[in-house]
Amino acid sequence: MALGEGGEQGPGRPVPRVLETHRPARAPGPSAQGPSARPGAPPPHRAGLAVVNTPGNMRFWSALCGVVGDGEVRALVDRFGAEQGRGAEHFVAWRRQWAADQLRRLRETPGVAGAHVMATTKGARGDLLELARDGRLSAAAIPG
């Protein structure tokens, strides 16, 4: 189930369909649902988030998720390209902020209990480490 289907995130901002949630194959036990889970409530979702560091890396994740032809995804690939065209220093700062914003949006999404953050390239791993170092991955930095 894609987060962008059937819901808005933030004031008039749909969550990109690239971000997908996965239901467990079977209902998790109480420890997996967390201490605040209500009895009888559906299990919380875990969401996967790719840390993307180039337009080509965004195309890779789009293909992996099966959303290559989606207009929203094409626009996002184009945006990554445009931001990259503004210079290396700008692009590094922009893509790191983009990743931090996606994590914040996931945290604000009802029913999402956690994120599986995937940084599969050297640049993406560097971005993720820098976000952790500067505190943008902490619970205090990501309201929820």
Foldseek 3Di string as FASTA:
>chain_A
DFQQPPDDFPDRHGQDSLKRWDADPDQDDPVQQPPPDDPPDGRFIEIEAEQDQALVSLCVSCVVVVNNPPPVSVVVSVVLVVQVVVDDVSSLVVSLVVRLVSLLRLVRDPRHDYYDYHYPDPSSVVSVVVCVVVVSPDCVNRDD
